[in-house]
């Protein structure tokens, strides 16, 4: 389903701003890990219940800001795109937590974030004939390598778990959910020449996510403990606002104007950001391997960003 009048939709962002939005979103996502770790310690909430409240809170924040963020000329996202984004978001978040439970943090992170750019590049190639070229492929490989060094060398390998088949399957499912969101967002913008209102897309997506997760959250235990309720509510408010409502709105806006594979690799800034905030907030040490992985990842993301801007500059207007 497409809208008959493309000029009535939102104009595309410049590619440079799109890259910035994706990078800011990934940086904000990295702070969610530290917030979640603190909530696990204090709130008594499990991963699915926490994801449920994150979705509910993010939707509530966006709904409250809707009068100020609604784009005047943006069409309402189609029902099938709302469902696709919402289901992809649910799969991405819930399957990742299940992978952590069954395979451990290190394996879940490496398999999910390492396979996501590959799945996204494949989807972008099949649906939109997007080509990375040799430089782009080298940047993707370098980013995955840097991610592996960052996670495995940062001490996460000692967090427990193992390479259980179920955990690996959940990690791949999480990567598939992320890839579906990224490719669908880019495909819509590439096909019509315009993007949906990112705030509306994010609002509806979190609504779908909350509905899907509600029964699982009730089973797990949906109410936080009252022992540290003020700090729990404060952390939940932060989690719903910065790494959820703001970050996903920025990501949906940025992913619509850059190549799908580029968006997925730039989003690998998330584990880098998480490492920095874990060191600052949770007093986790920064090992030499973690610093090396950070440097490799940053270089790869920077190289791919330059490649994206060159592609945009050389494209016919």
C-alpha atoms as a PDB file:
ATOM      1  CA  UNK A   1       0.000   0.000   0.000  1.00  0.00           C
ATOM      2  CA  UNK A   2       1.382   3.387  -0.938  1.00  0.00           C
ATOM      3  CA  UNK A   3       0.044   6.895  -0.719  1.00  0.00           C
ATOM      4  CA  UNK A   4      -1.029   8.509  -3.976  1.00  0.00           C
ATOM      5  CA  UNK A   5       0.727  11.800  -3.426  1.00  0.00           C
ATOM      6  CA  UNK A   6       4.394  11.589  -2.447  1.00  0.00           C
ATOM      7  CA  UNK A   7       4.834  15.383  -2.146  1.00  0.00           C
ATOM      8  CA  UNK A   8       2.429  15.356   0.789  1.00  0.00           C
ATOM      9  CA  UNK A   9       4.825  13.180   2.791  1.00  0.00           C
ATOM     10  CA  UNK A  10       7.838  14.220   4.759  1.00  0.00           C
ATOM     11  CA  UNK A  11      10.838  15.370   2.702  1.00  0.00           C
ATOM     12  CA  UNK A  12      13.950  13.243   3.041  1.00  0.00           C
ATOM     13  CA  UNK A  13      16.648  14.292   5.474  1.00  0.00           C
ATOM     14  CA  UNK A  14      20.170  15.017   4.201  1.00  0.00           C
ATOM     15  CA  UNK A  15      22.326  11.884   4.401  1.00  0.00           C
ATOM     16  CA  UNK A  16      24.772  13.545   6.798  1.00  0.00           C
ATOM     17  CA  UNK A  17      21.970  14.299   9.249  1.00  0.00           C
ATOM     18  CA  UNK A  18      20.591  10.784   8.829  1.00  0.00           C
ATOM     19  CA  UNK A  19      23.967   9.314   9.800  1.00  0.00           C
ATOM     20  CA  UNK A  20      24.092  11.621  12.816  1.00  0.00           C
ATOM     21  CA  UNK A  21      20.603  10.543  13.909  1.00  0.00           C
ATOM     22  CA  UNK A  22      21.506   6.844  13.714  1.00  0.00           C
ATOM     23  CA  UNK A  23      24.751   7.450  15.646  1.00  0.00           C
ATOM     24  CA  UNK A  24      22.919   9.419  18.356  1.00  0.00           C
ATOM     25  CA  UNK A  25      20.272   6.704  18.614  1.00  0.00           C
ATOM     26  CA  UNK A  26      22.907   3.990  19.014  1.00  0.00           C
ATOM     27  CA  UNK A  27      24.728   6.047  21.660  1.00  0.00           C
ATOM     28  CA  UNK A  28      21.482   6.452  23.608  1.00  0.00           C
ATOM     29  CA  UNK A  29      20.736   2.719  23.290  1.00  0.00           C
ATOM     30  CA  UNK A  30      24.088   2.022  24.923  1.00  0.00           C
ATOM     31  CA  UNK A  31      22.959   3.819  28.097  1.00  0.00           C
ATOM     32  CA  UNK A  32      19.956   1.494  28.333  1.00  0.00           C
ATOM     33  CA  UNK A  33      22.229  -1.383  29.357  1.00  0.00           C
ATOM     34  CA  UNK A  34      23.510   0.459  32.411  1.00  0.00           C
ATOM     35  CA  UNK A  35      19.979   1.535  33.341  1.00  0.00           C
ATOM     36  CA  UNK A  36      18.692  -2.009  32.908  1.00  0.00           C
ATOM     37  CA  UNK A  37      21.533  -3.438  35.034  1.00  0.00           C
ATOM     38  CA  UNK A  38      20.631  -1.069  37.857  1.00  0.00           C
ATOM     39  CA  UNK A  39      16.940  -1.913  37.503  1.00  0.00           C
ATOM     40  CA  UNK A  40      17.634  -5.648  37.624  1.00  0.00           C
ATOM     41  CA  UNK A  41      19.450  -5.063  40.918  1.00  0.00           C
ATOM     42  CA  UNK A  42      16.761  -2.902  42.528  1.00  0.00           C
ATOM     43  CA  UNK A  43      13.349  -3.376  40.927  1.00  0.00           C
ATOM     44  CA  UNK A  44      12.787  -7.126  40.953  1.00  0.00           C
ATOM     45  CA  UNK A  45      11.632  -6.934  37.319  1.00  0.00           C
ATOM     46  CA  UNK A  46      12.643  -9.599  34.823  1.00  0.00           C
ATOM     47  CA  UNK A  47      13.832  -8.858  31.264  1.00  0.00           C
ATOM     48  CA  UNK A  48      10.442  -9.258  29.556  1.00  0.00           C
ATOM     49  CA  UNK A  49       8.619  -7.203  32.176  1.00  0.00           C
ATOM     50  CA  UNK A  50      11.273  -4.512  31.910  1.00  0.00           C
ATOM     51  CA  UNK A  51      10.955  -4.486  28.116  1.00  0.00           C
ATOM     52  CA  UNK A  52       7.174  -4.229  28.503  1.00  0.00           C
ATOM     53  CA  UNK A  53       7.452  -1.166  30.756  1.00  0.00           C
ATOM     54  CA  UNK A  54      10.051   0.320  28.431  1.00  0.00           C
ATOM     55  CA  UNK A  55       7.593   0.023  25.543  1.00  0.00           C
ATOM     56  CA  UNK A  56       4.654   1.369  27.552  1.00  0.00           C
ATOM     57  CA  UNK A  57       6.714   4.266  28.883  1.00  0.00           C
ATOM     58  CA  UNK A  58       8.151   5.122  25.469  1.00  0.00           C
ATOM     59  CA  UNK A  59       4.678   5.132  23.918  1.00  0.00           C
ATOM     60  CA  UNK A  60       3.353   7.315  26.761  1.00  0.00           C
ATOM     61  CA  UNK A  61       6.161   9.859  26.320  1.00  0.00           C
ATOM     62  CA  UNK A  62       5.620  10.059  22.560  1.00  0.00           C
ATOM     63  CA  UNK A  63       1.861  10.337  23.012  1.00  0.00           C
ATOM     64  CA  UNK A  64       2.281  13.214  25.459  1.00  0.00           C
ATOM     65  CA  UNK A  65       4.627  14.984  23.015  1.00  0.00           C
ATOM     66  CA  UNK A  66       2.450  14.229  19.985  1.00  0.00           C
ATOM     67  CA  UNK A  67       0.916  17.745  19.748  1.00  0.00           C
ATOM     68  CA  UNK A  68       4.431  19.187  19.482  1.00  0.00           C
ATOM     69  CA  UNK A  69       6.090  16.554  17.286  1.00  0.00           C
ATOM     70  CA  UNK A  70       3.370  15.704  14.762  1.00  0.00           C
ATOM     71  CA  UNK A  71       4.466  16.508  11.225  1.00  0.00           C
ATOM     72  CA  UNK A  72       1.821  18.578   9.488  1.00  0.00           C
ATOM     73  CA  UNK A  73       2.114  16.976   6.069  1.00  0.00           C
ATOM     74  CA  UNK A  74       3.066  13.445   7.074  1.00  0.00           C
ATOM     75  CA  UNK A  75       0.571  10.687   6.220  1.00  0.00           C
ATOM     76  CA  UNK A  76      -0.430   8.202   8.880  1.00  0.00           C
ATOM     77  CA  UNK A  77       1.729   5.052   8.619  1.00  0.00           C
ATOM     78  CA  UNK A  78      -0.102   2.177   6.952  1.00  0.00           C
ATOM     79  CA  UNK A  79      -1.380  -0.626   9.178  1.00  0.00           C
ATOM     80  CA  UNK A  80       0.894  -3.256   7.642  1.00  0.00           C
ATOM     81  CA  UNK A  81       3.985  -1.075   8.248  1.00  0.00           C
ATOM     82  CA  UNK A  82       2.922  -0.446  11.847  1.00  0.00           C
ATOM     83  CA  UNK A  83       2.538  -4.177  12.425  1.00  0.00           C
ATOM     84  CA  UNK A  84       5.838  -5.002  10.716  1.00  0.00           C
ATOM     85  CA  UNK A  85       7.787  -2.429  12.740  1.00  0.00           C
ATOM     86  CA  UNK A  86       6.043  -3.385  15.980  1.00  0.00           C
ATOM     87  CA  UNK A  87       6.519  -7.119  15.536  1.00  0.00           C
ATOM     88  CA  UNK A  88      10.128  -6.622  14.417  1.00  0.00           C
ATOM     89  CA  UNK A  89      10.796  -4.466  17.474  1.00  0.00           C
ATOM     90  CA  UNK A  90       9.217  -7.064  19.765  1.00  0.00           C
ATOM     91  CA  UNK A  91      11.262  -9.876  18.250  1.00  0.00           C
ATOM     92  CA  UNK A  92      14.466  -7.830  18.327  1.00  0.00           C
ATOM     93  CA  UNK A  93      14.224  -6.934  22.024  1.00  0.00           C
ATOM     94  CA  UNK A  94      12.585 -10.042  23.493  1.00  0.00           C
ATOM     95  CA  UNK A  95      14.700 -12.567  21.565  1.00  0.00           C
ATOM     96  CA  UNK A  96      17.886 -10.782  22.608  1.00  0.00           C
ATOM     97  CA  UNK A  97      17.049 -11.120  26.306  1.00  0.00           C
ATOM     98  CA  UNK A  98      16.178 -14.788  25.776  1.00  0.00           C
ATOM     99  CA  UNK A  99      19.523 -15.277  23.996  1.00  0.00           C
ATOM    100  CA  UNK A 100      21.326 -13.726  26.954  1.00  0.00           C
ATOM    101  CA  UNK A 101      19.514 -16.137  29.275  1.00  0.00           C
ATOM    102  CA  UNK A 102      20.286 -19.247  27.203  1.00  0.00           C
ATOM    103  CA  UNK A 103      23.730 -18.465  25.732  1.00  0.00           C
ATOM    104  CA  UNK A 104      25.251 -15.792  27.948  1.00  0.00           C
ATOM    105  CA  UNK A 105      25.854 -12.112  27.374  1.00  0.00           C
ATOM    106  CA  UNK A 106      28.986 -12.402  25.228  1.00  0.00           C
ATOM    107  CA  UNK A 107      27.627 -14.975  22.774  1.00  0.00           C
ATOM    108  CA  UNK A 108      24.232 -13.285  22.528  1.00  0.00           C
ATOM    109  CA  UNK A 109      25.769  -9.882  21.809  1.00  0.00           C
ATOM    110  CA  UNK A 110      28.304 -11.109  19.264  1.00  0.00           C
ATOM    111  CA  UNK A 111      25.814 -13.276  17.344  1.00  0.00           C
ATOM    112  CA  UNK A 112      22.995 -10.705  17.372  1.00  0.00           C
ATOM    113  CA  UNK A 113      24.943  -7.551  16.555  1.00  0.00           C
ATOM    114  CA  UNK A 114      27.504  -9.372  14.419  1.00  0.00           C
ATOM    115  CA  UNK A 115      24.938 -11.091  12.181  1.00  0.00           C
ATOM    116  CA  UNK A 116      22.578  -8.116  11.916  1.00  0.00           C
ATOM    117  CA  UNK A 117      24.685  -6.157   9.365  1.00  0.00           C
ATOM    118  CA  UNK A 118      24.987  -9.284   7.227  1.00  0.00           C
ATOM    119  CA  UNK A 119      21.219  -9.876   7.249  1.00  0.00           C
ATOM    120  CA  UNK A 120      20.558  -6.200   6.582  1.00  0.00           C
ATOM    121  CA  UNK A 121      23.041  -6.087   3.705  1.00  0.00           C
ATOM    122  CA  UNK A 122      21.421  -9.195   2.219  1.00  0.00           C
ATOM    123  CA  UNK A 123      17.931  -7.704   2.578  1.00  0.00           C
ATOM    124  CA  UNK A 124      19.033  -4.391   1.105  1.00  0.00           C
ATOM    125  CA  UNK A 125      20.640  -6.183  -1.826  1.00  0.00           C
ATOM    126  CA  UNK A 126      17.593  -8.362  -2.558  1.00  0.00           C
ATOM    127  CA  UNK A 127      14.894  -5.717  -2.103  1.00  0.00           C
ATOM    128  CA  UNK A 128      16.619  -2.515  -3.208  1.00  0.00           C
ATOM    129  CA  UNK A 129      19.724  -3.619  -5.130  1.00  0.00           C
ATOM    130  CA  UNK A 130      21.905  -1.720  -2.652  1.00  0.00           C
ATOM    131  CA  UNK A 131      25.630  -2.351  -3.102  1.00  0.00           C
ATOM    132  CA  UNK A 132      28.295  -1.671  -0.523  1.00  0.00           C
ATOM    133  CA  UNK A 133      31.330  -2.112  -2.765  1.00  0.00           C
ATOM    134  CA  UNK A 134      34.720  -3.327  -1.587  1.00  0.00           C
ATOM    135  CA  UNK A 135      35.246  -0.463   0.833  1.00  0.00           C
ATOM    136  CA  UNK A 136      31.830  -0.981   2.363  1.00  0.00           C
ATOM    137  CA  UNK A 137      32.300  -4.734   2.712  1.00  0.00           C
ATOM    138  CA  UNK A 138      35.677  -4.170   4.353  1.00  0.00           C
ATOM    139  CA  UNK A 139      34.085  -1.696   6.776  1.00  0.00           C
ATOM    140  CA  UNK A 140      31.340  -4.194   7.666  1.00  0.00           C
ATOM    141  CA  UNK A 141      33.936  -6.929   8.282  1.00  0.00           C
ATOM    142  CA  UNK A 142      36.051  -4.551  10.380  1.00  0.00           C
ATOM    143  CA  UNK A 143      33.036  -3.493  12.421  1.00  0.00           C
ATOM    144  CA  UNK A 144      32.071  -7.099  13.180  1.00  0.00           C
ATOM    145  CA  UNK A 145      35.703  -7.869  14.108  1.00  0.00           C
ATOM    146  CA  UNK A 146      35.871  -4.814  16.367  1.00  0.00           C
ATOM    147  CA  UNK A 147      32.586  -5.800  17.996  1.00  0.00           C
ATOM    148  CA  UNK A 148      33.888  -9.284  18.727  1.00  0.00           C
ATOM    149  CA  UNK A 149      37.096  -7.944  20.294  1.00  0.00           C
ATOM    150  CA  UNK A 150      35.118  -5.358  22.272  1.00  0.00           C
ATOM    151  CA  UNK A 151      32.637  -7.844  23.735  1.00  0.00           C
ATOM    152  CA  UNK A 152      34.810 -10.937  24.172  1.00  0.00           C
ATOM    153  CA  UNK A 153      37.817  -8.934  25.343  1.00  0.00           C
ATOM    154  CA  UNK A 154      35.808  -6.736  27.687  1.00  0.00           C
ATOM    155  CA  UNK A 155      35.195  -9.425  30.244  1.00  0.00           C
ATOM    156  CA  UNK A 156      31.695 -10.350  29.133  1.00  0.00           C
ATOM    157  CA  UNK A 157      32.815 -13.848  28.350  1.00  0.00           C
ATOM    158  CA  UNK A 158      33.016 -14.513  32.060  1.00  0.00           C
ATOM    159  CA  UNK A 159      29.343 -13.661  32.609  1.00  0.00           C
ATOM    160  CA  UNK A 160      28.206 -17.243  32.313  1.00  0.00           C
ATOM    161  CA  UNK A 161      26.118 -19.098  29.809  1.00  0.00           C
ATOM    162  CA  UNK A 162      27.288 -21.119  26.892  1.00  0.00           C
ATOM    163  CA  UNK A 163      26.795 -21.669  23.203  1.00  0.00           C
ATOM    164  CA  UNK A 164      23.481 -23.537  23.592  1.00  0.00           C
ATOM    165  CA  UNK A 165      21.629 -24.090  20.294  1.00  0.00           C
ATOM    166  CA  UNK A 166      18.525 -22.413  21.704  1.00  0.00           C
ATOM    167  CA  UNK A 167      20.526 -19.323  22.678  1.00  0.00           C
ATOM    168  CA  UNK A 168      22.118 -19.090  19.243  1.00  0.00           C
ATOM    169  CA  UNK A 169      18.702 -19.453  17.627  1.00  0.00           C
ATOM    170  CA  UNK A 170      17.276 -16.646  19.780  1.00  0.00           C
ATOM    171  CA  UNK A 171      20.236 -14.404  18.904  1.00  0.00           C
ATOM    172  CA  UNK A 172      19.703 -14.985  15.180  1.00  0.00           C
ATOM    173  CA  UNK A 173      15.988 -14.322  15.632  1.00  0.00           C
ATOM    174  CA  UNK A 174      16.818 -11.034  17.359  1.00  0.00           C
ATOM    175  CA  UNK A 175      19.109 -10.045  14.488  1.00  0.00           C
ATOM    176  CA  UNK A 176      16.341 -10.930  12.016  1.00  0.00           C
ATOM    177  CA  UNK A 177      13.902  -8.667  13.872  1.00  0.00           C
ATOM    178  CA  UNK A 178      16.356  -5.782  13.753  1.00  0.00           C
ATOM    179  CA  UNK A 179      17.081  -6.412  10.067  1.00  0.00           C
ATOM    180  CA  UNK A 180      13.367  -6.449   9.231  1.00  0.00           C
ATOM    181  CA  UNK A 181      12.860  -3.021  10.828  1.00  0.00           C
ATOM    182  CA  UNK A 182      15.897  -1.496   9.130  1.00  0.00           C
ATOM    183  CA  UNK A 183      15.256  -2.864   5.635  1.00  0.00           C
ATOM    184  CA  UNK A 184      11.519  -2.117   5.743  1.00  0.00           C
ATOM    185  CA  UNK A 185      12.118   1.492   6.811  1.00  0.00           C
ATOM    186  CA  UNK A 186      14.670   2.051   4.061  1.00  0.00           C
ATOM    187  CA  UNK A 187      12.598   0.211   1.432  1.00  0.00           C
ATOM    188  CA  UNK A 188       9.556   2.375   2.100  1.00  0.00           C
ATOM    189  CA  UNK A 189      11.555   5.600   1.720  1.00  0.00           C
ATOM    190  CA  UNK A 190      13.448   4.363  -1.359  1.00  0.00           C
ATOM    191  CA  UNK A 191      10.232   3.255  -3.089  1.00  0.00           C
ATOM    192  CA  UNK A 192       8.198   6.410  -2.478  1.00  0.00           C
ATOM    193  CA  UNK A 193      10.896   9.068  -2.157  1.00  0.00           C
ATOM    194  CA  UNK A 194       9.561  10.106   1.262  1.00  0.00           C
ATOM    195  CA  UNK A 195       9.559   8.895   4.858  1.00  0.00           C
ATOM    196  CA  UNK A 196       6.812   8.349   7.393  1.00  0.00           C
ATOM    197  CA  UNK A 197       6.610  10.588  10.426  1.00  0.00           C
ATOM    198  CA  UNK A 198       9.270   8.974  12.683  1.00  0.00           C
ATOM    199  CA  UNK A 199       7.501   9.986  15.915  1.00  0.00           C
ATOM    200  CA  UNK A 200       4.234   8.380  14.770  1.00  0.00           C
ATOM    201  CA  UNK A 201       6.028   5.276  13.516  1.00  0.00           C
ATOM    202  CA  UNK A 202       7.815   4.878  16.836  1.00  0.00           C
ATOM    203  CA  UNK A 203       4.658   5.502  18.869  1.00  0.00           C
ATOM    204  CA  UNK A 204       2.645   2.853  17.042  1.00  0.00           C
ATOM    205  CA  UNK A 205       5.549   0.390  17.047  1.00  0.00           C
ATOM    206  CA  UNK A 206       5.893   0.559  20.815  1.00  0.00           C
ATOM    207  CA  UNK A 207       2.141   0.166  21.162  1.00  0.00           C
ATOM    208  CA  UNK A 208       2.309  -3.108  19.227  1.00  0.00           C
ATOM    209  CA  UNK A 209       5.354  -4.186  21.242  1.00  0.00           C
ATOM    210  CA  UNK A 210       3.595  -3.511  24.568  1.00  0.00           C
ATOM    211  CA  UNK A 211       0.511  -5.491  23.529  1.00  0.00           C
ATOM    212  CA  UNK A 212       2.646  -8.439  22.395  1.00  0.00           C
ATOM    213  CA  UNK A 213       4.703  -8.506  25.583  1.00  0.00           C
ATOM    214  CA  UNK A 214       1.871  -7.907  28.061  1.00  0.00           C
ATOM    215  CA  UNK A 215       0.938 -11.582  28.711  1.00  0.00           C
ATOM    216  CA  UNK A 216       4.601 -12.568  29.085  1.00  0.00           C
ATOM    217  CA  UNK A 217       5.230  -9.673  31.481  1.00  0.00           C
ATOM    218  CA  UNK A 218       2.220 -10.696  33.595  1.00  0.00           C
ATOM    219  CA  UNK A 219       3.570 -14.240  33.791  1.00  0.00           C
ATOM    220  CA  UNK A 220       7.055 -13.042  34.741  1.00  0.00           C
ATOM    221  CA  UNK A 221       5.836 -10.496  37.306  1.00  0.00           C
ATOM    222  CA  UNK A 222       4.895  -7.067  36.015  1.00  0.00           C
ATOM    223  CA  UNK A 223       5.038  -4.974  39.199  1.00  0.00           C
ATOM    224  CA  UNK A 224       8.351  -3.754  40.654  1.00  0.00           C
ATOM    225  CA  UNK A 225       9.262  -4.294  44.287  1.00  0.00           C
ATOM    226  CA  UNK A 226       8.473  -1.446  46.673  1.00  0.00           C
ATOM    227  CA  UNK A 227      11.863  -1.497  48.422  1.00  0.00           C
ATOM    228  CA  UNK A 228      13.479   1.060  46.104  1.00  0.00           C
ATOM    229  CA  UNK A 229      10.422   2.406  44.314  1.00  0.00           C
ATOM    230  CA  UNK A 230      11.566   6.062  43.886  1.00  0.00           C
ATOM    231  CA  UNK A 231      14.839   5.114  42.193  1.00  0.00           C
ATOM    232  CA  UNK A 232      13.044   2.432  40.157  1.00  0.00           C
ATOM    233  CA  UNK A 233      10.537   4.953  38.832  1.00  0.00           C
ATOM    234  CA  UNK A 234      13.333   7.426  38.063  1.00  0.00           C
ATOM    235  CA  UNK A 235      15.303   4.823  36.104  1.00  0.00           C
ATOM    236  CA  UNK A 236      12.179   3.628  34.293  1.00  0.00           C
ATOM    237  CA  UNK A 237      11.432   7.237  33.346  1.00  0.00           C
ATOM    238  CA  UNK A 238      14.917   7.665  31.920  1.00  0.00           C
ATOM    239  CA  UNK A 239      14.729   4.322  30.107  1.00  0.00           C
ATOM    240  CA  UNK A 240      11.395   5.247  28.533  1.00  0.00           C
ATOM    241  CA  UNK A 241      12.535   8.721  27.471  1.00  0.00           C
ATOM    242  CA  UNK A 242      16.134   8.818  26.220  1.00  0.00           C
ATOM    243  CA  UNK A 243      17.087   5.327  24.923  1.00  0.00           C
ATOM    244  CA  UNK A 244      13.496   4.528  23.882  1.00  0.00           C
ATOM    245  CA  UNK A 245      11.213   7.368  22.746  1.00  0.00           C
ATOM    246  CA  UNK A 246      14.011   9.689  21.608  1.00  0.00           C
ATOM    247  CA  UNK A 247      16.447   7.069  20.312  1.00  0.00           C
ATOM    248  CA  UNK A 248      13.992   5.051  18.222  1.00  0.00           C
ATOM    249  CA  UNK A 249      12.440   8.187  16.702  1.00  0.00           C
ATOM    250  CA  UNK A 250      15.929   9.319  15.668  1.00  0.00           C
ATOM    251  CA  UNK A 251      16.749   5.855  14.315  1.00  0.00           C
ATOM    252  CA  UNK A 252      13.588   5.569  12.203  1.00  0.00           C
ATOM    253  CA  UNK A 253      14.265   9.034  10.768  1.00  0.00           C
ATOM    254  CA  UNK A 254      17.920   8.297  10.002  1.00  0.00           C
ATOM    255  CA  UNK A 255      17.398   4.764   8.671  1.00  0.00           C
ATOM    256  CA  UNK A 256      15.038   6.104   6.008  1.00  0.00           C
ATOM    257  CA  UNK A 257      17.733   8.128   4.245  1.00  0.00           C
ATOM    258  CA  UNK A 258      20.920   6.034   4.430  1.00  0.00           C
ATOM    259  CA  UNK A 259      21.638   2.608   2.999  1.00  0.00           C
ATOM    260  CA  UNK A 260      20.253  -0.184   5.166  1.00  0.00           C
ATOM    261  CA  UNK A 261      23.644  -1.832   5.700  1.00  0.00           C
ATOM    262  CA  UNK A 262      25.196   1.517   6.627  1.00  0.00           C
ATOM    263  CA  UNK A 263      22.542   2.130   9.280  1.00  0.00           C
ATOM    264  CA  UNK A 264      23.089  -1.330  10.767  1.00  0.00           C
ATOM    265  CA  UNK A 265      26.861  -0.855  11.039  1.00  0.00           C
ATOM    266  CA  UNK A 266      26.659   2.681  12.457  1.00  0.00           C
ATOM    267  CA  UNK A 267      24.236   1.298  15.049  1.00  0.00           C
ATOM    268  CA  UNK A 268      27.092  -0.903  16.310  1.00  0.00           C
ATOM    269  CA  UNK A 269      28.117   2.188  18.282  1.00  0.00           C
ATOM    270  CA  UNK A 270      25.623   0.840  20.837  1.00  0.00           C
ATOM    271  CA  UNK A 271      27.958  -1.743  22.465  1.00  0.00           C
ATOM    272  CA  UNK A 272      30.763   0.813  22.384  1.00  0.00           C
ATOM    273  CA  UNK A 273      28.544   3.288  24.213  1.00  0.00           C
ATOM    274  CA  UNK A 274      27.450   0.571  26.628  1.00  0.00           C
ATOM    275  CA  UNK A 275      31.081  -0.237  27.446  1.00  0.00           C
ATOM    276  CA  UNK A 276      31.862   3.401  28.240  1.00  0.00           C
ATOM    277  CA  UNK A 277      28.789   3.849  30.429  1.00  0.00           C
ATOM    278  CA  UNK A 278      29.372   0.524  32.180  1.00  0.00           C
ATOM    279  CA  UNK A 279      32.844   1.751  33.118  1.00  0.00           C
ATOM    280  CA  UNK A 280      31.541   5.141  34.251  1.00  0.00           C
ATOM    281  CA  UNK A 281      28.363   4.046  36.064  1.00  0.00           C
ATOM    282  CA  UNK A 282      28.940   0.414  37.061  1.00  0.00           C
ATOM    283  CA  UNK A 283      32.728   0.641  37.660  1.00  0.00           C
ATOM    284  CA  UNK A 284      33.437  -2.123  35.150  1.00  0.00           C
ATOM    285  CA  UNK A 285      37.108  -2.049  34.022  1.00  0.00           C
ATOM    286  CA  UNK A 286      38.151  -1.057  30.486  1.00  0.00           C
ATOM    287  CA  UNK A 287      40.613  -3.746  29.384  1.00  0.00           C
ATOM    288  CA  UNK A 288      43.215  -3.242  26.635  1.00  0.00           C
ATOM    289  CA  UNK A 289      41.197  -5.610  24.408  1.00  0.00           C
ATOM    290  CA  UNK A 290      38.085  -3.497  24.961  1.00  0.00           C
ATOM    291  CA  UNK A 291      39.991  -0.344  24.005  1.00  0.00           C
ATOM    292  CA  UNK A 292      41.359  -2.066  20.885  1.00  0.00           C
ATOM    293  CA  UNK A 293      37.879  -3.231  19.883  1.00  0.00           C
ATOM    294  CA  UNK A 294      36.559   0.281  20.439  1.00  0.00           C
ATOM    295  CA  UNK A 295      39.215   1.754  18.140  1.00  0.00           C
ATOM    296  CA  UNK A 296      38.581  -0.817  15.369  1.00  0.00           C
ATOM    297  CA  UNK A 297      34.825  -0.318  15.605  1.00  0.00           C
ATOM    298  CA  UNK A 298      35.086   3.473  15.468  1.00  0.00           C
ATOM    299  CA  UNK A 299      37.408   3.355  12.451  1.00  0.00           C
ATOM    300  CA  UNK A 300      35.057   0.985  10.609  1.00  0.00           C
ATOM    301  CA  UNK A 301      31.982   3.091  11.337  1.00  0.00           C
ATOM    302  CA  UNK A 302      33.804   6.255  10.255  1.00  0.00           C
ATOM    303  CA  UNK A 303      34.957   4.611   7.004  1.00  0.00           C
ATOM    304  CA  UNK A 304      31.449   3.423   6.180  1.00  0.00           C
ATOM    305  CA  UNK A 305      29.986   6.837   6.963  1.00  0.00           C
ATOM    306  CA  UNK A 306      32.443   8.463   4.541  1.00  0.00           C
ATOM    307  CA  UNK A 307      31.522   5.856   1.925  1.00  0.00           C
ATOM    308  CA  UNK A 308      27.829   6.643   2.416  1.00  0.00           C
ATOM    309  CA  UNK A 309      28.391  10.378   1.959  1.00  0.00           C
ATOM    310  CA  UNK A 310      30.433   9.741  -1.214  1.00  0.00           C
ATOM    311  CA  UNK A 311      27.619   7.619  -2.619  1.00  0.00           C
ATOM    312  CA  UNK A 312      25.127  10.387  -1.902  1.00  0.00           C
ATOM    313  CA  UNK A 313      27.387  13.030  -3.431  1.00  0.00           C
ATOM    314  CA  UNK A 314      27.886  10.983  -6.622  1.00  0.00           C
ATOM    315  CA  UNK A 315      24.215  10.055  -7.001  1.00  0.00           C
ATOM    316  CA  UNK A 316      22.289  11.914  -9.723  1.00  0.00           C
ATOM    317  CA  UNK A 317      20.008  14.596  -8.383  1.00  0.00           C
END
